[in-house]
Amino acid sequence: MEFKLLLNLLSNKGQVQTREHLLEKVWGASGDISTRTIDTHIKRLRQKLGKYGDNIETIRSVGYRFKDK
């Protein structure tokens, strides 16, 4: 799931992805899974990416985006 999540963020680099959008695109679910699931997976993904984990930016109350450098 973390790979699919990273792939989605990279495919939409610089664009904010809402938690609901990520649930639909990555998990194929809508409403069945808590949006907090996304937060947990983002945390794990950032840890695995090490120093590059900072490239995943939290957009408060909206979702996430991969920074466009």
N, C-alpha and C. Protein backbone atom coordinates (compact mmCIF):
# COMPACT_ATOMS: atom_id res chain seq x y z
N MET A 1 0.82 -1.20 0.00
CA MET A 1 0.00 0.00 0.00
C MET A 1 0.86 1.26 0.00
N GLU A 2 1.97 1.20 0.73
CA GLU A 2 2.84 2.38 0.79
C GLU A 2 3.43 2.70 -0.57
N PHE A 3 3.76 1.67 -1.34
CA PHE A 3 4.28 1.90 -2.68
C PHE A 3 3.22 2.54 -3.57
N LYS A 4 1.99 2.04 -3.50
CA LYS A 4 0.89 2.63 -4.29
C LYS A 4 0.65 4.08 -3.87
N LEU A 5 0.75 4.33 -2.58
CA LEU A 5 0.57 5.68 -2.07
C LEU A 5 1.66 6.61 -2.60
N LEU A 6 2.90 6.16 -2.54
CA LEU A 6 4.02 6.95 -3.06
C LEU A 6 3.87 7.18 -4.56
N LEU A 7 3.50 6.16 -5.29
CA LEU A 7 3.30 6.27 -6.73
C LEU A 7 2.24 7.31 -7.06
N ASN A 8 1.15 7.29 -6.30
CA ASN A 8 0.08 8.26 -6.53
C ASN A 8 0.56 9.68 -6.25
N LEU A 9 1.29 9.87 -5.16
CA LEU A 9 1.79 11.20 -4.82
C LEU A 9 2.79 11.69 -5.87
N LEU A 10 3.66 10.81 -6.33
CA LEU A 10 4.65 11.19 -7.34
C LEU A 10 4.00 11.47 -8.70
N SER A 11 2.97 10.72 -9.02
CA SER A 11 2.26 10.92 -10.30
C SER A 11 1.56 12.27 -10.33
N ASN A 12 1.26 12.80 -9.16
CA ASN A 12 0.55 14.08 -9.06
C ASN A 12 1.42 15.09 -8.32
N LYS A 13 2.71 15.06 -8.59
CA LYS A 13 3.70 15.90 -7.91
C LYS A 13 3.27 17.37 -7.91
N GLY A 14 3.32 17.96 -6.71
CA GLY A 14 2.98 19.37 -6.57
C GLY A 14 1.49 19.63 -6.38
N GLN A 15 0.66 18.63 -6.59
CA GLN A 15 -0.79 18.79 -6.45
C GLN A 15 -1.25 18.16 -5.14
N VAL A 16 -2.11 18.86 -4.44
CA VAL A 16 -2.64 18.34 -3.18
C VAL A 16 -3.60 17.19 -3.46
N GLN A 17 -3.40 16.09 -2.74
CA GLN A 17 -4.27 14.93 -2.83
C GLN A 17 -5.04 14.82 -1.52
N THR A 18 -6.36 14.90 -1.59
CA THR A 18 -7.14 14.80 -0.37
C THR A 18 -7.08 13.37 0.16
N ARG A 19 -7.34 13.24 1.43
CA ARG A 19 -7.35 11.90 2.04
C ARG A 19 -8.40 11.01 1.37
N GLU A 20 -9.54 11.58 1.08
CA GLU A 20 -10.62 10.82 0.44
C GLU A 20 -10.20 10.34 -0.94
N HIS A 21 -9.51 11.21 -1.69
CA HIS A 21 -9.02 10.85 -3.02
C HIS A 21 -8.01 9.71 -2.91
N LEU A 22 -7.10 9.81 -1.95
CA LEU A 22 -6.10 8.77 -1.76
C LEU A 22 -6.74 7.44 -1.36
N LEU A 23 -7.75 7.50 -0.50
CA LEU A 23 -8.46 6.26 -0.13
C LEU A 23 -9.08 5.60 -1.35
N GLU A 24 -9.67 6.40 -2.19
CA GLU A 24 -10.31 5.87 -3.39
C GLU A 24 -9.30 5.31 -4.38
N LYS A 25 -8.24 6.06 -4.64
CA LYS A 25 -7.25 5.66 -5.65
C LYS A 25 -6.32 4.54 -5.18
N VAL A 26 -5.89 4.58 -3.93
CA VAL A 26 -4.92 3.60 -3.44
C VAL A 26 -5.61 2.36 -2.88
N TRP A 27 -6.64 2.56 -2.07
CA TRP A 27 -7.31 1.43 -1.44
C TRP A 27 -8.53 0.95 -2.23
N GLY A 28 -9.00 1.78 -3.14
CA GLY A 28 -10.21 1.42 -3.89
C GLY A 28 -11.44 1.45 -3.01
N ALA A 29 -11.38 2.26 -1.95
CA ALA A 29 -12.49 2.31 -0.99
C ALA A 29 -12.99 3.75 -0.86
N SER A 30 -14.22 3.86 -0.46
CA SER A 30 -14.77 5.18 -0.16
C SER A 30 -15.64 5.05 1.08
N GLY A 31 -15.17 5.60 2.17
CA GLY A 31 -15.96 5.61 3.39
C GLY A 31 -15.79 4.41 4.30
N ASP A 32 -15.37 3.27 3.76
CA ASP A 32 -15.23 2.06 4.57
C ASP A 32 -14.03 2.13 5.51
N ILE A 33 -13.01 2.84 5.08
CA ILE A 33 -11.76 2.92 5.84
C ILE A 33 -11.62 4.35 6.37
N SER A 34 -11.12 4.48 7.58
CA SER A 34 -10.94 5.79 8.18
C SER A 34 -9.84 6.56 7.45
N THR A 35 -10.01 7.86 7.32
CA THR A 35 -8.97 8.68 6.69
C THR A 35 -7.71 8.71 7.55
N ARG A 36 -7.81 8.31 8.81
CA ARG A 36 -6.62 8.22 9.67
C ARG A 36 -5.69 7.12 9.19
N THR A 37 -6.22 6.17 8.45
CA THR A 37 -5.40 5.12 7.85
C THR A 37 -4.35 5.75 6.94
N ILE A 38 -4.75 6.76 6.19
CA ILE A 38 -3.82 7.47 5.30
C ILE A 38 -2.70 8.08 6.12
N ASP A 39 -3.05 8.73 7.21
CA ASP A 39 -2.04 9.39 8.06
C ASP A 39 -1.01 8.39 8.57
N THR A 40 -1.48 7.21 8.96
CA THR A 40 -0.58 6.17 9.46
C THR A 40 0.37 5.69 8.37
N HIS A 41 -0.15 5.47 7.18
CA HIS A 41 0.68 5.02 6.07
C HIS A 41 1.66 6.10 5.62
N ILE A 42 1.24 7.35 5.65
CA ILE A 42 2.14 8.45 5.30
C ILE A 42 3.29 8.50 6.29
N LYS A 43 2.99 8.33 7.57
CA LYS A 43 4.04 8.35 8.60
C LYS A 43 5.07 7.25 8.34
N ARG A 44 4.60 6.05 8.06
CA ARG A 44 5.50 4.92 7.78
C ARG A 44 6.31 5.17 6.51
N LEU A 45 5.66 5.72 5.51
CA LEU A 45 6.33 6.01 4.25
C LEU A 45 7.44 7.03 4.45
N ARG A 46 7.15 8.07 5.20
CA ARG A 46 8.18 9.09 5.50
C ARG A 46 9.38 8.47 6.20
N GLN A 47 9.12 7.57 7.15
CA GLN A 47 10.22 6.91 7.86
C GLN A 47 11.06 6.07 6.91
N LYS A 48 10.43 5.36 6.02
CA LYS A 48 11.15 4.50 5.08
C LYS A 48 11.95 5.31 4.06
N LEU A 49 11.46 6.50 3.72
CA LEU A 49 12.16 7.35 2.76
C LEU A 49 13.34 8.09 3.40
N GLY A 50 13.43 8.05 4.71
CA GLY A 50 14.54 8.71 5.41
C GLY A 50 14.54 10.21 5.16
N LYS A 51 15.68 10.74 4.73
CA LYS A 51 15.79 12.20 4.53
C LYS A 51 14.87 12.70 3.42
N TYR A 52 14.43 11.81 2.54
CA TYR A 52 13.52 12.21 1.47
C TYR A 52 12.06 12.23 1.92
N GLY A 53 11.80 11.75 3.11
CA GLY A 53 10.45 11.75 3.66
C GLY A 53 9.88 13.15 3.83
N ASP A 54 10.78 14.13 3.98
CA ASP A 54 10.34 15.53 4.11
C ASP A 54 9.71 16.07 2.84
N ASN A 55 9.88 15.36 1.73
CA ASN A 55 9.28 15.80 0.47
C ASN A 55 7.77 15.58 0.43
N ILE A 56 7.27 14.77 1.36
CA ILE A 56 5.82 14.59 1.47
C ILE A 56 5.32 15.64 2.44
N GLU A 57 4.55 16.54 1.91
CA GLU A 57 4.09 17.70 2.68
C GLU A 57 2.64 17.51 3.12
N THR A 58 2.38 17.79 4.39
CA THR A 58 1.02 17.74 4.91
C THR A 58 0.33 19.08 4.65
N ILE A 59 -0.83 19.02 4.06
CA ILE A 59 -1.66 20.20 3.87
C ILE A 59 -2.78 20.06 4.89
N ARG A 60 -2.66 20.83 5.94
CA ARG A 60 -3.54 20.69 7.10
C ARG A 60 -5.02 20.71 6.72
N SER A 61 -5.75 19.74 7.27
CA SER A 61 -7.19 19.58 7.09
C SER A 61 -7.60 19.25 5.66
N VAL A 62 -6.62 18.97 4.79
CA VAL A 62 -6.94 18.65 3.40
C VAL A 62 -6.36 17.30 3.00
N GLY A 63 -5.03 17.20 3.01
CA GLY A 63 -4.39 15.96 2.57
C GLY A 63 -2.89 16.11 2.49
N TYR A 64 -2.33 15.57 1.41
CA TYR A 64 -0.87 15.55 1.25
C TYR A 64 -0.49 15.87 -0.17
N ARG A 65 0.79 16.26 -0.34
CA ARG A 65 1.34 16.42 -1.66
C ARG A 65 2.83 16.13 -1.61
N PHE A 66 3.36 15.70 -2.74
CA PHE A 66 4.80 15.52 -2.87
C PHE A 66 5.34 16.83 -3.40
N LYS A 67 6.28 17.42 -2.70
CA LYS A 67 6.81 18.73 -3.08
C LYS A 67 7.37 18.70 -4.50
N ASP A 68 7.08 19.73 -5.22
CA ASP A 68 7.59 19.90 -6.58
C ASP A 68 8.80 20.83 -6.50
N LYS A 69 10.00 20.25 -6.56
CA LYS A 69 11.22 21.07 -6.41
C LYS A 69 11.75 21.56 -7.70
